[in-house]
Amino acid sequence: ELMKHFKKEKSEAESHIRMLKEKYISTEEEHLRRMEESRLHLKDQLLCLETEQESILGVIGKEIDEACKTFSRDSLEKLKVLTSGPQLHYDPHRWLAESKTKLQWLCEELKERESRERSM
C-alpha cells in the first residue's frame, strides 16, 4: 500500500515536472520569437535610417559642391578638390573630411571677398 502511494506521488511529481518544463520551454520559445521579431524590426529601422542618412548627406554634398563651384569661378585660389568620387559615399569619414575642407575653403574665400569689398 505504501509502495502504491509512493509510485502515485512519484508519477504525479514527474507529471508536474514535465508540465513545468514544457511551460518553461514554451515561455522561452515565445520570448525568443518576440526577441527575433524585435531584432528584425530594429534591423529594418536601421536600414531605413542609413538610407535616409545617405540621402541627406548626398544632398548636403551636392549643395557644398555647388557653393564651391560658384565661389571658385571668380576665386583667386581655385579649390583643388571639387567633386567627390562615387567611392566617397562608402566612406563617411573621408566624405566628412572632404566636406570639412570644402567648408573651410568657402569660409576663407568669403572672408577674402569681404576684405576686398571693404578695401574698395
N, C-alpha and C. Protein backbone atom coordinates (compact mmCIF):
# COMPACT_ATOMS: atom_id res chain seq x y z
N GLU A 1 0.84 -1.20 0.00
CA GLU A 1 0.00 0.00 0.00
C GLU A 1 0.88 1.26 0.00
N LEU A 2 1.87 1.27 0.85
CA LEU A 2 2.80 2.41 0.91
C LEU A 2 3.54 2.56 -0.42
N MET A 3 3.87 1.44 -1.02
CA MET A 3 4.58 1.46 -2.29
C MET A 3 3.69 2.04 -3.39
N LYS A 4 2.39 1.68 -3.41
CA LYS A 4 1.46 2.22 -4.39
C LYS A 4 1.35 3.74 -4.24
N HIS A 5 1.24 4.17 -3.00
CA HIS A 5 1.13 5.60 -2.71
C HIS A 5 2.41 6.33 -3.18
N PHE A 6 3.55 5.74 -2.92
CA PHE A 6 4.83 6.33 -3.34
C PHE A 6 4.90 6.44 -4.86
N LYS A 7 4.50 5.35 -5.56
CA LYS A 7 4.53 5.36 -7.03
C LYS A 7 3.57 6.41 -7.58
N LYS A 8 2.42 6.53 -6.95
CA LYS A 8 1.43 7.54 -7.38
C LYS A 8 2.01 8.94 -7.19
N GLU A 9 2.59 9.21 -6.04
CA GLU A 9 3.20 10.51 -5.76
C GLU A 9 4.35 10.80 -6.73
N LYS A 10 5.14 9.75 -6.97
CA LYS A 10 6.26 9.90 -7.90
C LYS A 10 5.75 10.23 -9.29
N SER A 11 4.73 9.52 -9.73
CA SER A 11 4.14 9.75 -11.06
C SER A 11 3.58 11.17 -11.17
N GLU A 12 2.87 11.61 -10.13
CA GLU A 12 2.32 12.98 -10.13
C GLU A 12 3.44 14.02 -10.14
N ALA A 13 4.48 13.76 -9.38
CA ALA A 13 5.62 14.70 -9.35
C ALA A 13 6.30 14.76 -10.71
N GLU A 14 6.50 13.59 -11.33
CA GLU A 14 7.12 13.57 -12.66
C GLU A 14 6.24 14.28 -13.68
N SER A 15 4.94 14.06 -13.58
CA SER A 15 4.00 14.73 -14.48
C SER A 15 4.05 16.24 -14.29
N HIS A 16 4.09 16.66 -13.04
CA HIS A 16 4.17 18.09 -12.72
C HIS A 16 5.49 18.69 -13.25
N ILE A 17 6.58 17.95 -13.09
CA ILE A 17 7.89 18.41 -13.59
C ILE A 17 7.85 18.54 -15.11
N ARG A 18 7.27 17.54 -15.81
CA ARG A 18 7.14 17.61 -17.27
C ARG A 18 6.34 18.84 -17.69
N MET A 19 5.23 19.06 -16.98
CA MET A 19 4.38 20.21 -17.30
C MET A 19 5.15 21.52 -17.10
N LEU A 20 5.90 21.62 -16.00
CA LEU A 20 6.69 22.83 -15.74
C LEU A 20 7.78 23.02 -16.80
N LYS A 21 8.43 21.92 -17.19
CA LYS A 21 9.46 22.00 -18.24
C LYS A 21 8.85 22.49 -19.55
N GLU A 22 7.69 21.91 -19.92
CA GLU A 22 7.02 22.31 -21.16
C GLU A 22 6.62 23.78 -21.11
N LYS A 23 6.10 24.19 -19.96
CA LYS A 23 5.69 25.59 -19.80
C LYS A 23 6.91 26.50 -19.91
N TYR A 24 8.01 26.10 -19.28
CA TYR A 24 9.25 26.89 -19.33
C TYR A 24 9.77 26.98 -20.77
N ILE A 25 9.79 25.83 -21.46
CA ILE A 25 10.26 25.81 -22.84
C ILE A 25 9.36 26.68 -23.71
N SER A 26 8.07 26.57 -23.52
CA SER A 26 7.12 27.37 -24.29
C SER A 26 7.33 28.86 -24.04
N THR A 27 7.53 29.21 -22.79
CA THR A 27 7.77 30.62 -22.43
C THR A 27 9.06 31.11 -23.06
N GLU A 28 10.10 30.30 -23.01
CA GLU A 28 11.39 30.67 -23.61
C GLU A 28 11.28 30.80 -25.12
N GLU A 29 10.56 29.88 -25.76
CA GLU A 29 10.37 29.95 -27.20
C GLU A 29 9.62 31.22 -27.58
N GLU A 30 8.59 31.55 -26.81
CA GLU A 30 7.84 32.79 -27.06
C GLU A 30 8.74 34.00 -26.88
N HIS A 31 9.55 33.98 -25.85
CA HIS A 31 10.48 35.08 -25.59
C HIS A 31 11.47 35.21 -26.76
N LEU A 32 12.01 34.10 -27.22
CA LEU A 32 12.94 34.12 -28.36
C LEU A 32 12.26 34.64 -29.62
N ARG A 33 11.01 34.22 -29.84
CA ARG A 33 10.27 34.68 -31.02
C ARG A 33 10.07 36.19 -30.98
N ARG A 34 9.69 36.71 -29.80
CA ARG A 34 9.50 38.16 -29.66
C ARG A 34 10.82 38.91 -29.84
N MET A 35 11.89 38.34 -29.30
CA MET A 35 13.21 38.96 -29.45
C MET A 35 13.62 39.00 -30.93
N GLU A 36 13.36 37.94 -31.65
CA GLU A 36 13.70 37.88 -33.07
C GLU A 36 12.86 38.90 -33.85
N GLU A 37 11.58 38.99 -33.53
CA GLU A 37 10.73 40.00 -34.18
C GLU A 37 11.27 41.40 -33.91
N SER A 38 11.64 41.64 -32.69
CA SER A 38 12.19 42.94 -32.31
C SER A 38 13.49 43.22 -33.05
N ARG A 39 14.35 42.21 -33.13
CA ARG A 39 15.63 42.37 -33.84
C ARG A 39 15.39 42.70 -35.31
N LEU A 40 14.46 41.99 -35.94
CA LEU A 40 14.17 42.24 -37.35
C LEU A 40 13.58 43.64 -37.55
N HIS A 41 12.71 44.04 -36.63
CA HIS A 41 12.12 45.38 -36.71
C HIS A 41 13.21 46.45 -36.58
N LEU A 42 14.12 46.27 -35.62
CA LEU A 42 15.20 47.23 -35.43
C LEU A 42 16.15 47.24 -36.63
N LYS A 43 16.37 46.08 -37.21
CA LYS A 43 17.23 45.99 -38.40
C LYS A 43 16.60 46.78 -39.56
N ASP A 44 15.29 46.62 -39.74
CA ASP A 44 14.59 47.38 -40.78
C ASP A 44 14.68 48.88 -40.52
N GLN A 45 14.49 49.28 -39.27
CA GLN A 45 14.59 50.69 -38.92
C GLN A 45 15.99 51.22 -39.21
N LEU A 46 17.00 50.44 -38.87
CA LEU A 46 18.38 50.85 -39.11
C LEU A 46 18.65 51.03 -40.60
N LEU A 47 18.16 50.10 -41.41
CA LEU A 47 18.35 50.22 -42.85
C LEU A 47 17.67 51.48 -43.39
N CYS A 48 16.48 51.76 -42.90
CA CYS A 48 15.77 52.98 -43.33
C CYS A 48 16.55 54.23 -42.92
N LEU A 49 17.04 54.24 -41.69
CA LEU A 49 17.80 55.40 -41.22
C LEU A 49 19.11 55.56 -41.99
N GLU A 50 19.76 54.45 -42.31
CA GLU A 50 21.00 54.53 -43.08
C GLU A 50 20.73 55.08 -44.47
N THR A 51 19.64 54.63 -45.09
CA THR A 51 19.26 55.12 -46.42
C THR A 51 18.94 56.61 -46.36
N GLU A 52 18.19 57.00 -45.34
CA GLU A 52 17.84 58.41 -45.17
C GLU A 52 19.09 59.26 -44.94
N GLN A 53 20.00 58.76 -44.10
CA GLN A 53 21.24 59.49 -43.82
C GLN A 53 22.06 59.64 -45.10
N GLU A 54 22.17 58.57 -45.87
CA GLU A 54 22.93 58.62 -47.11
C GLU A 54 22.33 59.65 -48.07
N SER A 55 21.01 59.68 -48.13
CA SER A 55 20.32 60.63 -49.00
C SER A 55 20.58 62.07 -48.55
N ILE A 56 20.45 62.30 -47.25
CA ILE A 56 20.68 63.65 -46.70
C ILE A 56 22.11 64.09 -46.94
N LEU A 57 23.06 63.20 -46.67
CA LEU A 57 24.47 63.55 -46.88
C LEU A 57 24.75 63.80 -48.36
N GLY A 58 24.08 63.06 -49.23
CA GLY A 58 24.23 63.29 -50.67
C GLY A 58 23.77 64.68 -51.06
N VAL A 59 22.62 65.09 -50.53
CA VAL A 59 22.09 66.43 -50.82
C VAL A 59 23.03 67.50 -50.28
N ILE A 60 23.49 67.31 -49.05
CA ILE A 60 24.42 68.27 -48.45
C ILE A 60 25.69 68.37 -49.28
N GLY A 61 26.21 67.21 -49.69
CA GLY A 61 27.43 67.19 -50.50
C GLY A 61 27.25 67.94 -51.81
N LYS A 62 26.11 67.74 -52.46
CA LYS A 62 25.84 68.44 -53.73
C LYS A 62 25.75 69.95 -53.50
N GLU A 63 25.10 70.36 -52.42
CA GLU A 63 24.99 71.79 -52.13
C GLU A 63 26.36 72.41 -51.85
N ILE A 64 27.18 71.69 -51.10
CA ILE A 64 28.54 72.19 -50.82
C ILE A 64 29.33 72.29 -52.12
N ASP A 65 29.22 71.27 -52.97
CA ASP A 65 29.93 71.29 -54.26
C ASP A 65 29.46 72.47 -55.12
N GLU A 66 28.16 72.72 -55.14
CA GLU A 66 27.63 73.84 -55.93
C GLU A 66 28.16 75.18 -55.40
N ALA A 67 28.17 75.33 -54.09
CA ALA A 67 28.69 76.56 -53.49
C ALA A 67 30.17 76.72 -53.84
N CYS A 68 30.91 75.63 -53.78
CA CYS A 68 32.34 75.69 -54.12
C CYS A 68 32.53 76.07 -55.59
N LYS A 69 31.73 75.49 -56.47
CA LYS A 69 31.85 75.81 -57.90
C LYS A 69 31.54 77.28 -58.14
N THR A 70 30.49 77.77 -57.49
CA THR A 70 30.11 79.17 -57.65
C THR A 70 31.23 80.09 -57.17
N PHE A 71 31.76 79.83 -56.00
CA PHE A 71 32.83 80.67 -55.46
C PHE A 71 34.12 80.50 -56.24
N SER A 72 34.33 79.32 -56.80
CA SER A 72 35.58 79.02 -57.48
C SER A 72 35.67 79.73 -58.83
N ARG A 73 34.55 80.10 -59.40
CA ARG A 73 34.55 80.74 -60.73
C ARG A 73 35.38 82.02 -60.74
N ASP A 74 35.18 82.86 -59.72
CA ASP A 74 35.95 84.10 -59.70
C ASP A 74 36.83 84.17 -58.46
N SER A 75 37.42 83.05 -58.14
CA SER A 75 38.31 83.00 -56.99
C SER A 75 39.75 83.14 -57.44
N LEU A 76 40.56 83.78 -56.59
CA LEU A 76 41.98 83.89 -56.89
C LEU A 76 42.65 82.53 -56.71
N GLU A 77 42.18 81.80 -55.71
CA GLU A 77 42.74 80.46 -55.45
C GLU A 77 41.65 79.43 -55.66
N LYS A 78 41.77 78.68 -56.74
CA LYS A 78 40.75 77.68 -57.07
C LYS A 78 40.80 76.52 -56.06
N LEU A 79 39.63 76.00 -55.79
CA LEU A 79 39.56 74.84 -54.90
C LEU A 79 40.01 73.62 -55.68
N LYS A 80 40.95 72.90 -55.13
CA LYS A 80 41.53 71.75 -55.83
C LYS A 80 40.55 70.57 -55.90
N VAL A 81 39.90 70.28 -54.80
CA VAL A 81 39.00 69.12 -54.76
C VAL A 81 37.57 69.63 -54.83
N LEU A 82 36.93 69.42 -55.98
CA LEU A 82 35.56 69.91 -56.11
C LEU A 82 34.53 68.81 -56.01
N THR A 83 34.71 67.78 -56.76
CA THR A 83 33.67 66.76 -56.77
C THR A 83 34.15 65.49 -56.10
N SER A 84 33.22 64.89 -55.40
CA SER A 84 33.51 63.63 -54.72
C SER A 84 33.34 62.49 -55.71
N GLY A 85 34.23 61.54 -55.63
CA GLY A 85 34.09 60.34 -56.45
C GLY A 85 33.02 59.45 -55.86
N PRO A 86 32.52 58.50 -56.63
CA PRO A 86 31.46 57.62 -56.11
C PRO A 86 31.90 56.78 -54.91
N GLN A 87 33.20 56.48 -54.83
CA GLN A 87 33.69 55.68 -53.71
C GLN A 87 33.61 56.44 -52.40
N LEU A 88 33.49 57.75 -52.46
CA LEU A 88 33.46 58.56 -51.25
C LEU A 88 32.20 58.29 -50.42
N HIS A 89 31.12 57.92 -51.10
CA HIS A 89 29.87 57.68 -50.39
C HIS A 89 29.95 56.44 -49.50
N TYR A 90 30.89 55.57 -49.79
CA TYR A 90 31.03 54.36 -48.98
C TYR A 90 31.94 54.59 -47.78
N ASP A 91 32.59 55.74 -47.74
CA ASP A 91 33.50 56.04 -46.63
C ASP A 91 33.06 57.35 -45.99
N PRO A 92 32.21 57.28 -44.96
CA PRO A 92 31.68 58.51 -44.36
C PRO A 92 32.76 59.37 -43.72
N HIS A 93 33.84 58.76 -43.24
CA HIS A 93 34.92 59.55 -42.63
C HIS A 93 35.62 60.40 -43.68
N ARG A 94 35.87 59.80 -44.83
CA ARG A 94 36.53 60.54 -45.92
C ARG A 94 35.59 61.64 -46.44
N TRP A 95 34.30 61.29 -46.58
CA TRP A 95 33.32 62.27 -47.05
C TRP A 95 33.29 63.46 -46.09
N LEU A 96 33.26 63.17 -44.79
CA LEU A 96 33.21 64.22 -43.78
C LEU A 96 34.46 65.09 -43.84
N ALA A 97 35.62 64.47 -43.98
CA ALA A 97 36.88 65.22 -44.06
C ALA A 97 36.89 66.12 -45.29
N GLU A 98 36.45 65.59 -46.42
CA GLU A 98 36.43 66.39 -47.65
C GLU A 98 35.42 67.53 -47.53
N SER A 99 34.26 67.26 -46.96
CA SER A 99 33.25 68.30 -46.79
C SER A 99 33.76 69.40 -45.86
N LYS A 100 34.44 69.01 -44.82
CA LYS A 100 35.01 69.98 -43.88
C LYS A 100 36.03 70.87 -44.60
N THR A 101 36.88 70.26 -45.43
CA THR A 101 37.87 71.02 -46.20
C THR A 101 37.17 72.02 -47.12
N LYS A 102 36.13 71.57 -47.79
CA LYS A 102 35.40 72.45 -48.69
C LYS A 102 34.76 73.61 -47.93
N LEU A 103 34.15 73.32 -46.78
CA LEU A 103 33.52 74.38 -45.99
C LEU A 103 34.56 75.37 -45.46
N GLN A 104 35.72 74.86 -45.06
CA GLN A 104 36.79 75.76 -44.62
C GLN A 104 37.24 76.65 -45.77
N TRP A 105 37.38 76.07 -46.96
CA TRP A 105 37.77 76.85 -48.13
C TRP A 105 36.72 77.93 -48.41
N LEU A 106 35.44 77.54 -48.33
CA LEU A 106 34.36 78.51 -48.56
C LEU A 106 34.43 79.66 -47.55
N CYS A 107 34.67 79.34 -46.29
CA CYS A 107 34.77 80.38 -45.25
C CYS A 107 35.94 81.32 -45.55
N GLU A 108 37.08 80.76 -45.90
CA GLU A 108 38.25 81.59 -46.23
C GLU A 108 37.98 82.46 -47.44
N GLU A 109 37.34 81.89 -48.43
CA GLU A 109 37.02 82.62 -49.65
C GLU A 109 36.06 83.77 -49.33
N LEU A 110 35.09 83.52 -48.49
CA LEU A 110 34.13 84.55 -48.10
C LEU A 110 34.83 85.67 -47.34
N LYS A 111 35.74 85.30 -46.44
CA LYS A 111 36.49 86.31 -45.69
C LYS A 111 37.32 87.18 -46.64
N GLU A 112 37.97 86.54 -47.61
CA GLU A 112 38.77 87.30 -48.59
C GLU A 112 37.90 88.26 -49.37
N ARG A 113 36.75 87.81 -49.81
CA ARG A 113 35.85 88.67 -50.58
C ARG A 113 35.36 89.85 -49.74
N GLU A 114 35.00 89.57 -48.50
CA GLU A 114 34.57 90.65 -47.62
C GLU A 114 35.70 91.65 -47.41
N SER A 115 36.90 91.15 -47.25
CA SER A 115 38.07 92.01 -47.06
C SER A 115 38.30 92.87 -48.31
N ARG A 116 38.20 92.28 -49.48
CA ARG A 116 38.38 93.04 -50.74
C ARG A 116 37.30 94.09 -50.89
N GLU A 117 36.06 93.74 -50.54
CA GLU A 117 34.96 94.71 -50.65
C GLU A 117 35.15 95.88 -49.70
N ARG A 118 35.63 95.60 -48.50
CA ARG A 118 35.87 96.67 -47.53
C ARG A 118 36.98 97.61 -47.98
N SER A 119 37.96 97.06 -48.64
CA SER A 119 39.10 97.89 -49.06
C SER A 119 38.79 98.70 -50.30
N MET A 120 37.71 98.43 -50.97
CA MET A 120 37.35 99.20 -52.18
C MET A 120 36.73 100.52 -51.85
